PDB file of N, CA and C in Angstrom:
ATOM      1  N   MET A   1       1.032  -1.125   0.066  1.00  0.00           N
ATOM      2  CA  MET A   1       0.192   0.082   0.070  1.00  0.00           C
ATOM      3  C   MET A   1       1.171   1.161  -0.007  1.00  0.00           C
ATOM      4  N   LYS A   2       2.187   1.413   0.924  1.00  0.00           N
ATOM      5  CA  LYS A   2       2.453   2.222   0.749  1.00  0.00           C
ATOM      6  C   LYS A   2       3.597   2.498  -0.321  1.00  0.00           C
ATOM      7  N   LYS A   3       4.130   1.799  -1.424  1.00  0.00           N
ATOM      8  CA  LYS A   3       4.699   1.685  -2.498  1.00  0.00           C
ATOM      9  C   LYS A   3       3.502   2.259  -3.438  1.00  0.00           C
ATOM     10  N   ILE A   4       2.239   2.132  -3.517  1.00  0.00           N
ATOM     11  CA  ILE A   4       1.486   2.657  -4.181  1.00  0.00           C
ATOM     12  C   ILE A   4       1.347   4.134  -3.967  1.00  0.00           C
ATOM     13  N   VAL A   5       0.805   4.555  -2.408  1.00  0.00           N
ATOM     14  CA  VAL A   5       0.921   5.827  -2.428  1.00  0.00           C
ATOM     15  C   VAL A   5       2.142   6.340  -2.716  1.00  0.00           C
ATOM     16  N   ALA A   6       3.625   6.226  -2.582  1.00  0.00           N
ATOM     17  CA  ALA A   6       4.462   6.650  -3.189  1.00  0.00           C
ATOM     18  C   ALA A   6       4.478   6.603  -4.489  1.00  0.00           C
ATOM     19  N   LEU A   7       4.089   5.592  -5.788  1.00  0.00           N
ATOM     20  CA  LEU A   7       3.947   5.791  -7.078  1.00  0.00           C
ATOM     21  C   LEU A   7       3.187   6.635  -7.423  1.00  0.00           C
ATOM     22  N   ILE A   8       1.769   6.895  -6.603  1.00  0.00           N
ATOM     23  CA  ILE A   8       1.246   8.019  -7.341  1.00  0.00           C
ATOM     24  C   ILE A   8       1.269   9.119  -6.745  1.00  0.00           C
ATOM     25  N   LEU A   9       2.434   9.377  -5.317  1.00  0.00           N
ATOM     26  CA  LEU A   9       2.760  11.113  -4.928  1.00  0.00           C
ATOM     27  C   LEU A   9       3.770  11.115  -6.428  1.00  0.00           C
ATOM     28  N   ALA A  10       4.696   9.899  -6.571  1.00  0.00           N
ATOM     29  CA  ALA A  10       5.746  10.479  -7.728  1.00  0.00           C
ATOM     30  C   ALA A  10       4.871  10.997  -8.922  1.00  0.00           C
ATOM     31  N   VAL A  11       4.185  10.300  -9.545  1.00  0.00           N
ATOM     32  CA  VAL A  11       3.201  10.763 -10.996  1.00  0.00           C
ATOM     33  C   VAL A  11       2.785  11.928 -10.592  1.00  0.00           C
ATOM     34  N   MET A  12       2.217  12.273  -9.285  1.00  0.00           N
ATOM     35  CA  MET A  12       1.835  13.683  -9.855  1.00  0.00           C
ATOM     36  C   MET A  12       2.922  14.604  -9.427  1.00  0.00           C
ATOM     37  N   MET A  13       3.830  14.345  -8.768  1.00  0.00           N
ATOM     38  CA  MET A  13       4.901  15.350  -8.894  1.00  0.00           C
ATOM     39  C   MET A  13       5.758  15.570 -10.308  1.00  0.00           C
ATOM     40  N   CYS A  14       5.838  14.387 -11.101  1.00  0.00           N
ATOM     41  CA  CYS A  14       6.267  14.573 -12.403  1.00  0.00           C
ATOM     42  C   CYS A  14       4.989  15.160 -13.305  1.00  0.00           C
ATOM     43  N   VAL A  15       3.969  15.039 -13.081  1.00  0.00           N
ATOM     44  CA  VAL A  15       3.068  15.684 -13.615  1.00  0.00           C
ATOM     45  C   VAL A  15       3.045  17.034 -13.494  1.00  0.00           C
ATOM     46  N   GLY A  16       2.966  17.687 -11.996  1.00  0.00           N
ATOM     47  CA  GLY A  16       3.022  18.817 -11.597  1.00  0.00           C
ATOM     48  C   GLY A  16       4.250  19.614 -11.983  1.00  0.00           C
ATOM     49  N   PHE A  17       5.327  19.033 -11.823  1.00  0.00           N
ATOM     50  CA  PHE A  17       6.674  19.834 -12.928  1.00  0.00           C
ATOM     51  C   PHE A  17       6.211  19.861 -14.248  1.00  0.00           C
ATOM     52  N   ALA A  18       5.624  18.856 -14.627  1.00  0.00           N
ATOM     53  CA  ALA A  18       5.737  19.329 -16.267  1.00  0.00           C
ATOM     54  C   ALA A  18       4.454  20.477 -16.426  1.00  0.00           C
ATOM     55  N   PHE A  19       3.710  20.332 -15.761  1.00  0.00           N
ATOM     56  CA  PHE A  19       2.525  21.647 -15.537  1.00  0.00           C
ATOM     57  C   PHE A  19       3.335  22.717 -15.513  1.00  0.00           C
ATOM     58  N   ALA A  20       3.911  23.354 -14.187  1.00  0.00           N
ATOM     59  CA  ALA A  20       4.640  23.923 -13.828  1.00  0.00           C
ATOM     60  C   ALA A  20       5.447  24.706 -14.914  1.00  0.00           C
ATOM     61  N   GLU A  21       6.110  23.598 -15.426  1.00  0.00           N
ATOM     62  CA  GLU A  21       7.284  24.272 -16.743  1.00  0.00           C
ATOM     63  C   GLU A  21       6.930  24.880 -17.514  1.00  0.00           C
ATOM     64  N   THR A  22       5.796  23.950 -18.245  1.00  0.00           N
ATOM     65  CA  THR A  22       5.300  24.477 -19.255  1.00  0.00           C
ATOM     66  C   THR A  22       4.795  25.901 -19.135  1.00  0.00           C
ATOM     67  N   THR A  23       3.923  26.187 -18.203  1.00  0.00           N
ATOM     68  CA  THR A  23       3.686  27.166 -17.730  1.00  0.00           C
ATOM     69  C   THR A  23       4.357  28.467 -17.561  1.00  0.00           C
ATOM     70  N   LEU A  24       5.672  28.014 -16.739  1.00  0.00           N
ATOM     71  CA  LEU A  24       6.225  29.279 -16.525  1.00  0.00           C
ATOM     72  C   LEU A  24       7.398  29.581 -17.641  1.00  0.00           C
ATOM     73  N   GLY A  25       7.060  28.615 -18.720  1.00  0.00           N
ATOM     74  CA  GLY A  25       7.784  29.324 -19.826  1.00  0.00           C
ATOM     75  C   GLY A  25       7.247  29.762 -20.574  1.00  0.00           C
ATOM     76  N   GLN A  26       5.384  30.226 -20.555  1.00  0.00           N
ATOM     77  CA  GLN A  26       4.859  31.065 -21.409  1.00  0.00           C
ATOM     78  C   GLN A  26       4.982  32.532 -20.378  1.00  0.00           C
ATOM     79  N   LEU A  27       5.035  32.097 -19.198  1.00  0.00           N
ATOM     80  CA  LEU A  27       4.792  33.447 -18.321  1.00  0.00           C
ATOM     81  C   LEU A  27       5.426  34.548 -18.846  1.00  0.00           C
ATOM     82  N   GLY A  28       5.495  35.708 -19.217  1.00  0.00           N
ATOM     83  CA  GLY A  28       6.002  36.901 -19.687  1.00  0.00           C
ATOM     84  C   GLY A  28       6.527  37.014 -21.042  1.00  0.00           C
ATOM     85  N   ALA A  29       6.562  35.984 -21.868  1.00  0.00           N
ATOM     86  CA  ALA A  29       6.201  35.847 -23.231  1.00  0.00           C
ATOM     87  C   ALA A  29       5.229  36.484 -24.015  1.00  0.00           C
ATOM     88  N   TRP A  30       5.577  36.923 -24.815  1.00  0.00           N
ATOM     89  CA  TRP A  30       4.368  37.509 -25.826  1.00  0.00           C
ATOM     90  C   TRP A  30       4.552  36.122 -27.056  1.00  0.00           C
ATOM     91  N   GLN A  31       2.718  35.881 -26.985  1.00  0.00           N
ATOM     92  CA  GLN A  31       2.448  34.680 -27.733  1.00  0.00           C
ATOM     93  C   GLN A  31       2.160  35.122 -29.213  1.00  0.00           C
ATOM     94  N   VAL A  32       2.141  34.851 -30.071  1.00  0.00           N
ATOM     95  CA  VAL A  32       1.494  35.411 -31.315  1.00  0.00           C
ATOM     96  C   VAL A  32       0.228  34.607 -31.279  1.00  0.00           C
ATOM     97  N   ALA A  33      -0.647  35.642 -31.465  1.00  0.00           N
ATOM     98  CA  ALA A  33      -2.305  34.723 -31.936  1.00  0.00           C
ATOM     99  C   ALA A  33      -2.233  34.034 -33.263  1.00  0.00           C
ATOM    100  N   GLU A  34      -2.930  32.788 -32.925  1.00  0.00           N
ATOM    101  CA  GLU A  34      -3.173  31.511 -33.895  1.00  0.00           C
ATOM    102  C   GLU A  34      -4.261  31.898 -34.434  1.00  0.00           C
ATOM    103  N   ASP A  35      -5.171  32.628 -33.592  1.00  0.00           N
ATOM    104  CA  ASP A  35      -6.069  33.308 -34.706  1.00  0.00           C
ATOM    105  C   ASP A  35      -6.371  34.653 -33.955  1.00  0.00           C
ATOM    106  N   THR A  36      -6.131  35.994 -35.487  1.00  0.00           N
ATOM    107  CA  THR A  36      -6.176  36.993 -34.989  1.00  0.00           C
ATOM    108  C   THR A  36      -7.900  37.755 -34.906  1.00  0.00           C
ATOM    109  N   THR A  37      -8.753  37.236 -34.889  1.00  0.00           N
ATOM    110  CA  THR A  37     -10.313  37.569 -35.076  1.00  0.00           C
ATOM    111  C   THR A  37     -10.195  38.182 -33.659  1.00  0.00           C
ATOM    112  N   VAL A  38     -11.284  39.424 -34.121  1.00  0.00           N
ATOM    113  CA  VAL A  38     -11.253  39.735 -32.615  1.00  0.00           C
ATOM    114  C   VAL A  38     -12.640  39.987 -32.584  1.00  0.00           C
ATOM    115  N   THR A  39     -12.865  38.499 -31.568  1.00  0.00           N
ATOM    116  CA  THR A  39     -13.739  38.138 -30.989  1.00  0.00           C
ATOM    117  C   THR A  39     -14.678  38.695 -30.201  1.00  0.00           C
ATOM    118  N   GLU A  40     -15.708  38.708 -30.057  1.00  0.00           N
ATOM    119  CA  GLU A  40     -16.633  39.510 -29.134  1.00  0.00           C
ATOM    120  C   GLU A  40     -16.090  39.799 -27.267  1.00  0.00           C
ATOM    121  N   GLU A  41     -15.572  38.620 -27.366  1.00  0.00           N
ATOM    122  CA  GLU A  41     -14.685  38.487 -26.080  1.00  0.00           C
ATOM    123  C   GLU A  41     -13.566  40.128 -25.781  1.00  0.00           C
ATOM    124  N   ARG A  42     -12.503  39.537 -26.873  1.00  0.00           N
ATOM    125  CA  ARG A  42     -11.639  40.158 -26.984  1.00  0.00           C
ATOM    126  C   ARG A  42     -12.130  41.925 -27.352  1.00  0.00           C
ATOM    127  N   GLN A  43     -13.144  42.299 -28.046  1.00  0.00           N
ATOM    128  CA  GLN A  43     -13.794  43.626 -28.624  1.00  0.00           C
ATOM    129  C   GLN A  43     -14.181  43.918 -26.955  1.00  0.00           C
ATOM    130  N   ALA A  44     -14.641  43.280 -26.197  1.00  0.00           N
ATOM    131  CA  ALA A  44     -15.265  43.593 -24.854  1.00  0.00           C
ATOM    132  C   ALA A  44     -14.123  43.988 -23.819  1.00  0.00           C
ATOM    133  N   VAL A  45     -13.140  43.187 -23.758  1.00  0.00           N
ATOM    134  CA  VAL A  45     -11.632  43.886 -23.066  1.00  0.00           C
ATOM    135  C   VAL A  45     -11.158  45.314 -23.831  1.00  0.00           C
ATOM    136  N   PHE A  46     -11.222  45.074 -25.327  1.00  0.00           N
ATOM    137  CA  PHE A  46     -10.851  46.342 -26.035  1.00  0.00           C
ATOM    138  C   PHE A  46     -11.445  47.464 -25.632  1.00  0.00           C
ATOM    139  N   ASP A  47     -12.830  47.521 -25.463  1.00  0.00           N
ATOM    140  CA  ASP A  47     -14.078  48.052 -25.228  1.00  0.00           C
ATOM    141  C   ASP A  47     -14.161  48.771 -23.930  1.00  0.00           C
ATOM    142  N   LYS A  48     -13.580  47.939 -22.757  1.00  0.00           N
ATOM    143  CA  LYS A  48     -13.635  48.275 -21.110  1.00  0.00           C
ATOM    144  C   LYS A  48     -12.373  49.136 -21.170  1.00  0.00           C
ATOM    145  N   ALA A  49     -11.599  48.821 -21.530  1.00  0.00           N
ATOM    146  CA  ALA A  49     -10.167  49.682 -21.887  1.00  0.00           C
ATOM    147  C   ALA A  49     -10.046  50.802 -22.477  1.00  0.00           C
ATOM    148  N   LEU A  50     -10.732  50.899 -22.865  1.00  0.00           N
ATOM    149  CA  LEU A  50     -10.798  52.561 -23.965  1.00  0.00           C
ATOM    150  C   LEU A  50     -12.287  53.395 -23.726  1.00  0.00           C
ATOM    151  N   GLU A  51     -12.964  53.101 -22.861  1.00  0.00           N
ATOM    152  CA  GLU A  51     -14.006  53.542 -22.197  1.00  0.00           C
ATOM    153  C   GLU A  51     -13.951  54.653 -21.923  1.00  0.00           C
ATOM    154  N   GLY A  52     -14.230  55.623 -22.368  1.00  0.00           N
ATOM    155  CA  GLY A  52     -14.119  57.433 -21.885  1.00  0.00           C
ATOM    156  C   GLY A  52     -12.991  58.098 -22.873  1.00  0.00           C
ATOM    157  N   LEU A  53     -12.324  57.302 -23.431  1.00  0.00           N
ATOM    158  CA  LEU A  53     -11.110  58.122 -24.549  1.00  0.00           C
ATOM    159  C   LEU A  53     -11.638  58.764 -25.834  1.00  0.00           C
ATOM    160  N   VAL A  54     -11.296  59.926 -25.249  1.00  0.00           N
ATOM    161  CA  VAL A  54     -12.011  60.934 -26.287  1.00  0.00           C
ATOM    162  C   VAL A  54     -10.834  61.529 -27.693  1.00  0.00           C
ATOM    163  N   GLY A  55     -11.120  61.682 -28.716  1.00  0.00           N
ATOM    164  CA  GLY A  55     -10.499  62.730 -29.543  1.00  0.00           C
ATOM    165  C   GLY A  55     -10.017  61.559 -30.769  1.00  0.00           C
ATOM    166  N   VAL A  56      -9.745  60.159 -30.248  1.00  0.00           N
ATOM    167  CA  VAL A  56      -9.459  59.437 -31.372  1.00  0.00           C
ATOM    168  C   VAL A  56     -10.554  58.139 -31.465  1.00  0.00           C
ATOM    169  N   ASN A  57     -11.149  57.657 -32.609  1.00  0.00           N
ATOM    170  CA  ASN A  57     -11.561  56.415 -32.580  1.00  0.00           C
ATOM    171  C   ASN A  57     -10.929  55.359 -33.118  1.00  0.00           C
ATOM    172  N   TYR A  58     -10.442  54.549 -32.283  1.00  0.00           N
ATOM    173  CA  TYR A  58     -10.110  53.513 -32.526  1.00  0.00           C
ATOM    174  C   TYR A  58     -10.867  52.157 -32.716  1.00  0.00           C
ATOM    175  N   VAL A  59     -10.148  51.252 -34.353  1.00  0.00           N
ATOM    176  CA  VAL A  59     -11.492  50.296 -34.510  1.00  0.00           C
ATOM    177  C   VAL A  59     -10.447  48.778 -34.518  1.00  0.00           C
ATOM    178  N   PRO A  60     -10.462  47.821 -33.568  1.00  0.00           N
ATOM    179  CA  PRO A  60      -9.696  47.033 -33.255  1.00  0.00           C
ATOM    180  C   PRO A  60      -9.738  46.474 -35.260  1.00  0.00           C
ATOM    181  N   VAL A  61      -8.810  45.678 -35.293  1.00  0.00           N
ATOM    182  CA  VAL A  61      -8.765  45.137 -37.161  1.00  0.00           C
ATOM    183  C   VAL A  61      -8.090  43.981 -36.767  1.00  0.00           C
ATOM    184  N   ALA A  62      -7.379  43.976 -35.500  1.00  0.00           N
ATOM    185  CA  ALA A  62      -6.366  42.123 -35.941  1.00  0.00           C
ATOM    186  C   ALA A  62      -5.973  42.407 -34.196  1.00  0.00           C
ATOM    187  N   TYR A  63      -6.492  40.885 -33.634  1.00  0.00           N
ATOM    188  CA  TYR A  63      -5.585  40.699 -32.354  1.00  0.00           C
ATOM    189  C   TYR A  63      -4.510  39.823 -32.606  1.00  0.00           C
ATOM    190  N   LEU A  64      -3.288  40.786 -32.084  1.00  0.00           N
ATOM    191  CA  LEU A  64      -2.054  40.210 -32.556  1.00  0.00           C
ATOM    192  C   LEU A  64      -1.291  39.033 -31.696  1.00  0.00           C
ATOM    193  N   ALA A  65      -1.468  39.446 -30.401  1.00  0.00           N
ATOM    194  CA  ALA A  65      -0.320  39.005 -29.112  1.00  0.00           C
ATOM    195  C   ALA A  65      -1.086  39.206 -27.778  1.00  0.00           C
ATOM    196  N   SER A  66      -0.976  38.097 -27.075  1.00  0.00           N
ATOM    197  CA  SER A  66      -0.896  38.327 -25.524  1.00  0.00           C
ATOM    198  C   SER A  66       0.288  37.817 -24.586  1.00  0.00           C
ATOM    199  N   GLN A  67       0.449  38.350 -23.904  1.00  0.00           N
ATOM    200  CA  GLN A  67       1.436  38.033 -23.024  1.00  0.00           C
ATOM    201  C   GLN A  67       1.004  37.911 -21.314  1.00  0.00           C
ATOM    202  N   LEU A  68       1.281  36.493 -20.786  1.00  0.00           N
ATOM    203  CA  LEU A  68       0.697  35.998 -19.138  1.00  0.00           C
ATOM    204  C   LEU A  68       1.795  36.986 -18.345  1.00  0.00           C
ATOM    205  N   VAL A  69       0.832  38.051 -17.800  1.00  0.00           N
ATOM    206  CA  VAL A  69       1.875  38.052 -16.701  1.00  0.00           C
ATOM    207  C   VAL A  69       1.113  37.975 -15.368  1.00  0.00           C
ATOM    208  N   SER A  70       0.722  38.842 -14.027  1.00  0.00           N
ATOM    209  CA  SER A  70      -0.238  39.167 -13.173  1.00  0.00           C
ATOM    210  C   SER A  70      -1.112  39.320 -13.939  1.00  0.00           C
ATOM    211  N   GLY A  71      -2.008  38.963 -14.458  1.00  0.00           N
ATOM    212  CA  GLY A  71      -2.931  39.067 -15.764  1.00  0.00           C
ATOM    213  C   GLY A  71      -2.689  38.877 -16.825  1.00  0.00           C
ATOM    214  N   THR A  72      -3.252  39.642 -17.529  1.00  0.00           N
ATOM    215  CA  THR A  72      -2.905  39.491 -19.479  1.00  0.00           C
ATOM    216  C   THR A  72      -2.606  40.673 -20.193  1.00  0.00           C
ATOM    217  N   ASN A  73      -1.736  40.897 -20.624  1.00  0.00           N
ATOM    218  CA  ASN A  73      -1.362  42.033 -21.371  1.00  0.00           C
ATOM    219  C   ASN A  73      -1.808  41.588 -22.850  1.00  0.00           C
ATOM    220  N   HIS A  74      -2.763  42.555 -23.797  1.00  0.00           N
ATOM    221  CA  HIS A  74      -3.098  42.327 -24.993  1.00  0.00           C
ATOM    222  C   HIS A  74      -2.681  43.438 -26.452  1.00  0.00           C
ATOM    223  N   CYS A  75      -2.412  42.374 -27.504  1.00  0.00           N
ATOM    224  CA  CYS A  75      -1.889  43.829 -28.545  1.00  0.00           C
ATOM    225  C   CYS A  75      -2.934  43.500 -29.346  1.00  0.00           C
ATOM    226  N   PHE A  76      -3.278  44.916 -29.599  1.00  0.00           N
ATOM    227  CA  PHE A  76      -4.521  44.411 -31.132  1.00  0.00           C
ATOM    228  C   PHE A  76      -3.724  45.326 -32.466  1.00  0.00           C
ATOM    229  N   LEU A  77      -4.233  45.590 -33.536  1.00  0.00           N
ATOM    230  CA  LEU A  77      -4.162  46.199 -34.219  1.00  0.00           C
ATOM    231  C   LEU A  77      -5.242  47.225 -34.360  1.00  0.00           C
ATOM    232  N   CYS A  78      -5.027  48.244 -35.106  1.00  0.00           N
ATOM    233  CA  CYS A  78      -6.439  49.315 -34.929  1.00  0.00           C
ATOM    234  C   CYS A  78      -6.241  50.043 -36.088  1.00  0.00           C
ATOM    235  N   THR A  79      -7.129  50.816 -36.534  1.00  0.00           N
ATOM    236  CA  THR A  79      -6.857  51.967 -37.495  1.00  0.00           C
ATOM    237  C   THR A  79      -7.469  53.121 -36.486  1.00  0.00           C
ATOM    238  N   ALA A  80      -6.535  54.129 -36.466  1.00  0.00           N
ATOM    239  CA  ALA A  80      -7.508  55.279 -35.460  1.00  0.00           C
ATOM    240  C   ALA A  80      -7.370  56.566 -36.457  1.00  0.00           C
ATOM    241  N   THR A  81      -8.314  57.305 -36.234  1.00  0.00           N
ATOM    242  CA  THR A  81      -8.735  58.398 -37.074  1.00  0.00           C
ATOM    243  C   THR A  81      -9.032  59.581 -35.648  1.00  0.00           C
ATOM    244  N   VAL A  82      -8.264  60.850 -35.981  1.00  0.00           N
ATOM    245  CA  VAL A  82      -8.645  62.158 -34.903  1.00  0.00           C
ATOM    246  C   VAL A  82      -9.877  62.625 -35.399  1.00  0.00           C
ATOM    247  N   VAL A  83     -10.888  62.720 -34.527  1.00  0.00           N
ATOM    248  CA  VAL A  83     -12.129  63.143 -34.442  1.00  0.00           C
ATOM    249  C   VAL A  83     -12.387  64.422 -34.685  1.00  0.00           C
ATOM    250  N   TYR A  84     -11.960  64.565 -36.558  1.00  0.00           N
ATOM    251  CA  TYR A  84     -12.348  66.122 -37.029  1.00  0.00           C
ATOM    252  C   TYR A  84     -12.521  65.650 -38.520  1.00  0.00           C
ATOM    253  N   PRO A  85     -13.415  66.088 -38.879  1.00  0.00           N
ATOM    254  CA  PRO A  85     -13.768  66.486 -40.242  1.00  0.00           C
ATOM    255  C   PRO A  85     -12.451  65.847 -41.763  1.00  0.00           C
ATOM    256  N   GLY A  86     -12.081  65.212 -42.015  1.00  0.00           N
ATOM    257  CA  GLY A  86     -11.311  64.984 -43.067  1.00  0.00           C
ATOM    258  C   GLY A  86      -9.893  64.606 -42.622  1.00  0.00           C
ATOM    259  N   ALA A  87      -9.817  64.191 -40.845  1.00  0.00           N
ATOM    260  CA  ALA A  87      -8.901  63.134 -40.778  1.00  0.00           C
ATOM    261  C   ALA A  87      -8.283  61.987 -41.427  1.00  0.00           C
ATOM    262  N   PRO A  88      -7.047  62.003 -41.607  1.00  0.00           N
ATOM    263  CA  PRO A  88      -6.643  60.585 -42.020  1.00  0.00           C
ATOM    264  C   PRO A  88      -6.525  59.623 -40.695  1.00  0.00           C
ATOM    265  N   THR A  89      -6.703  58.326 -41.244  1.00  0.00           N
ATOM    266  CA  THR A  89      -7.190  57.080 -40.670  1.00  0.00           C
ATOM    267  C   THR A  89      -5.332  56.519 -40.714  1.00  0.00           C
ATOM    268  N   THR A  90      -4.889  56.065 -39.649  1.00  0.00           N
ATOM    269  CA  THR A  90      -3.653  55.506 -39.442  1.00  0.00           C
ATOM    270  C   THR A  90      -3.416  54.148 -38.773  1.00  0.00           C
ATOM    271  N   LEU A  91      -2.524  53.486 -38.786  1.00  0.00           N
ATOM    272  CA  LEU A  91      -2.750  52.435 -38.173  1.00  0.00           C
ATOM    273  C   LEU A  91      -2.232  52.452 -36.824  1.00  0.00           C
ATOM    274  N   VAL A  92      -2.466  51.729 -35.739  1.00  0.00           N
ATOM    275  CA  VAL A  92      -1.728  51.857 -34.288  1.00  0.00           C
ATOM    276  C   VAL A  92      -1.943  50.680 -33.761  1.00  0.00           C
ATOM    277  N   LEU A  93      -0.622  50.471 -32.966  1.00  0.00           N
ATOM    278  CA  LEU A  93      -0.668  48.940 -32.089  1.00  0.00           C
ATOM    279  C   LEU A  93      -1.201  49.798 -30.729  1.00  0.00           C
ATOM    280  N   VAL A  94      -2.090  49.024 -30.096  1.00  0.00           N
ATOM    281  CA  VAL A  94      -2.888  49.634 -28.868  1.00  0.00           C
ATOM    282  C   VAL A  94      -2.838  48.188 -28.053  1.00  0.00           C
ATOM    283  N   TYR A  95      -2.036  48.558 -26.858  1.00  0.00           N
ATOM    284  CA  TYR A  95      -1.549  47.623 -25.978  1.00  0.00           C
ATOM    285  C   TYR A  95      -2.142  48.059 -24.766  1.00  0.00           C
ATOM    286  N   ILE A  96      -3.321  46.817 -23.979  1.00  0.00           N
ATOM    287  CA  ILE A  96      -4.176  46.730 -23.151  1.00  0.00           C
ATOM    288  C   ILE A  96      -3.373  45.699 -22.110  1.00  0.00           C
ATOM    289  N   TYR A  97      -3.791  46.659 -20.887  1.00  0.00           N
ATOM    290  CA  TYR A  97      -3.710  45.648 -19.422  1.00  0.00           C
ATOM    291  C   TYR A  97      -5.008  44.733 -19.017  1.00  0.00           C
ATOM    292  N   GLU A  98      -5.189  43.664 -18.994  1.00  0.00           N
ATOM    293  CA  GLU A  98      -6.472  42.822 -17.952  1.00  0.00           C
ATOM    294  C   GLU A  98      -5.692  42.269 -16.730  1.00  0.00           C
ATOM    295  N   ASP A  99      -6.387  42.853 -15.862  1.00  0.00           N
ATOM    296  CA  ASP A  99      -5.876  42.438 -14.392  1.00  0.00           C
ATOM    297  C   ASP A  99      -6.639  41.122 -14.677  1.00  0.00           C
ATOM    298  N   LEU A 100      -6.189  40.048 -13.182  1.00  0.00           N
ATOM    299  CA  LEU A 100      -7.336  39.168 -12.820  1.00  0.00           C
ATOM    300  C   LEU A 100      -8.840  39.541 -12.322  1.00  0.00           C
ATOM    301  N   GLU A 101      -8.766  40.423 -12.336  1.00  0.00           N
ATOM    302  CA  GLU A 101     -10.487  40.638 -12.131  1.00  0.00           C
ATOM    303  C   GLU A 101     -11.263  41.021 -13.235  1.00  0.00           C
ATOM    304  N   GLY A 102     -10.628  41.217 -14.094  1.00  0.00           N
ATOM    305  CA  GLY A 102     -11.828  41.681 -15.581  1.00  0.00           C
ATOM    306  C   GLY A 102     -11.224  43.152 -15.805  1.00  0.00           C
ATOM    307  N   ASN A 103     -10.574  43.880 -15.067  1.00  0.00           N
ATOM    308  CA  ASN A 103     -10.455  45.178 -15.563  1.00  0.00           C
ATOM    309  C   ASN A 103      -9.389  45.340 -16.075  1.00  0.00           C
ATOM    310  N   ALA A 104      -9.525  46.621 -17.133  1.00  0.00           N
ATOM    311  CA  ALA A 104      -8.629  46.862 -18.131  1.00  0.00           C
ATOM    312  C   ALA A 104      -8.510  48.127 -18.816  1.00  0.00           C
ATOM    313  N   GLN A 105      -7.130  48.382 -18.782  1.00  0.00           N
ATOM    314  CA  GLN A 105      -6.624  49.736 -18.900  1.00  0.00           C
ATOM    315  C   GLN A 105      -5.643  49.682 -20.239  1.00  0.00           C
ATOM    316  N   TYR A 106      -5.514  50.555 -20.652  1.00  0.00           N
ATOM    317  CA  TYR A 106      -4.875  50.977 -22.055  1.00  0.00           C
ATOM    318  C   TYR A 106      -3.460  51.459 -21.670  1.00  0.00           C
ATOM    319  N   THR A 107      -2.255  50.852 -22.204  1.00  0.00           N
ATOM    320  CA  THR A 107      -1.368  51.060 -21.736  1.00  0.00           C
ATOM    321  C   THR A 107       0.213  51.472 -22.630  1.00  0.00           C
ATOM    322  N   ASN A 108      -0.305  51.221 -23.829  1.00  0.00           N
ATOM    323  CA  ASN A 108       0.484  51.994 -24.894  1.00  0.00           C
ATOM    324  C   ASN A 108      -0.229  52.155 -26.316  1.00  0.00           C
ATOM    325  N   PHE A 109       0.215  53.084 -26.827  1.00  0.00           N
ATOM    326  CA  PHE A 109      -0.437  53.546 -28.390  1.00  0.00           C
ATOM    327  C   PHE A 109       1.079  53.631 -29.150  1.00  0.00           C
ATOM    328  N   VAL A 110       1.128  52.855 -30.053  1.00  0.00           N
ATOM    329  CA  VAL A 110       2.475  53.012 -30.949  1.00  0.00           C
ATOM    330  C   VAL A 110       1.842  52.672 -32.572  1.00  0.00           C
ATOM    331  N   GLU A 111       1.976  54.085 -33.379  1.00  0.00           N
ATOM    332  CA  GLU A 111       1.439  54.812 -34.463  1.00  0.00           C
ATOM    333  C   GLU A 111       2.309  53.243 -35.669  1.00  0.00           C
ATOM    334  N   ILE A 112       1.666  53.400 -35.917  1.00  0.00           N
ATOM    335  CA  ILE A 112       2.689  52.738 -37.174  1.00  0.00           C
ATOM    336  C   ILE A 112       3.177  53.317 -38.339  1.00  0.00           C
ATOM    337  N   ASP A 113       4.494  53.375 -38.711  1.00  0.00           N
ATOM    338  CA  ASP A 113       4.624  54.454 -39.891  1.00  0.00           C
ATOM    339  C   ASP A 113       4.654  53.581 -41.381  1.00  0.00           C
ATOM    340  N   ILE A 114       3.580  53.425 -42.163  1.00  0.00           N
ATOM    341  CA  ILE A 114       4.031  52.579 -43.273  1.00  0.00           C
ATOM    342  C   ILE A 114       4.731  53.085 -44.022  1.00  0.00           C
ATOM    343  N   ALA A 115       4.676  54.245 -44.261  1.00  0.00           N
ATOM    344  CA  ALA A 115       6.108  55.000 -45.324  1.00  0.00           C
ATOM    345  C   ALA A 115       7.508  54.622 -44.879  1.00  0.00           C
ATOM    346  N   ALA A 116       7.419  54.553 -43.848  1.00  0.00           N
ATOM    347  CA  ALA A 116       8.651  54.466 -43.295  1.00  0.00           C
ATOM    348  C   ALA A 116       9.095  52.970 -43.200  1.00  0.00           C
ATOM    349  N   LEU A 117       7.978  51.952 -42.674  1.00  0.00           N
ATOM    350  CA  LEU A 117       8.537  50.626 -43.137  1.00  0.00           C
ATOM    351  C   LEU A 117       8.574  50.391 -44.399  1.00  0.00           C
ATOM    352  N   SER A 118       7.702  50.606 -45.629  1.00  0.00           N
ATOM    353  CA  SER A 118       8.194  50.718 -46.723  1.00  0.00           C
ATOM    354  C   SER A 118       9.710  51.157 -47.279  1.00  0.00           C
ATOM    355  N   SER A 119      10.422  52.226 -47.168  1.00  0.00           N
ATOM    356  CA  SER A 119      11.452  52.601 -47.157  1.00  0.00           C
ATOM    357  C   SER A 119      12.374  51.791 -46.393  1.00  0.00           C
ATOM    358  N   VAL A 120      12.299  51.196 -45.638  1.00  0.00           N
ATOM    359  CA  VAL A 120      13.556  50.244 -45.220  1.00  0.00           C
ATOM    360  C   VAL A 120      13.347  48.636 -45.819  1.00  0.00           C
ATOM    361  N   ALA A 121      12.141  48.360 -45.987  1.00  0.00           N
ATOM    362  CA  ALA A 121      11.922  47.239 -47.143  1.00  0.00           C
ATOM    363  C   ALA A 121      12.790  47.038 -48.248  1.00  0.00           C
ATOM    364  N   ALA A 122      12.592  48.560 -48.692  1.00  0.00           N
ATOM    365  CA  ALA A 122      13.192  48.498 -50.632  1.00  0.00           C
ATOM    366  C   ALA A 122      14.352  48.669 -50.379  1.00  0.00           C
ATOM    367  N   GLU A 123      15.335  48.695 -49.399  1.00  0.00           N
ATOM    368  CA  GLU A 123      16.734  48.952 -48.887  1.00  0.00           C
ATOM    369  C   GLU A 123      17.221  47.708 -49.311  1.00  0.00           C
TER     370      GLU A 123
END
């Protein structure tokens, strides 16, 4: 009986270590999204984080990546248009932090300069 209990505990420890190693290996690393669709859940996080933000209209067009921390960081590719007539539309990366309680806030906006990127690619 003691041998069976010891064997079960050993197996549980091995499974636990394997799980911990997999989880810890992903903790803090950005994971590129396999599916870039802006689902209803992702849209809800986005809307919650940008609630009350005025002056620029951000529309998520793709969900790019996530990062597990004490919560989750999200990265969305968005179109951004300043709210005034004739304003140009640009592309922006919007970074959002969602805590463990489901609260969300934006942490960074990075404008993508397509012209600069295309000139670098041409060199």
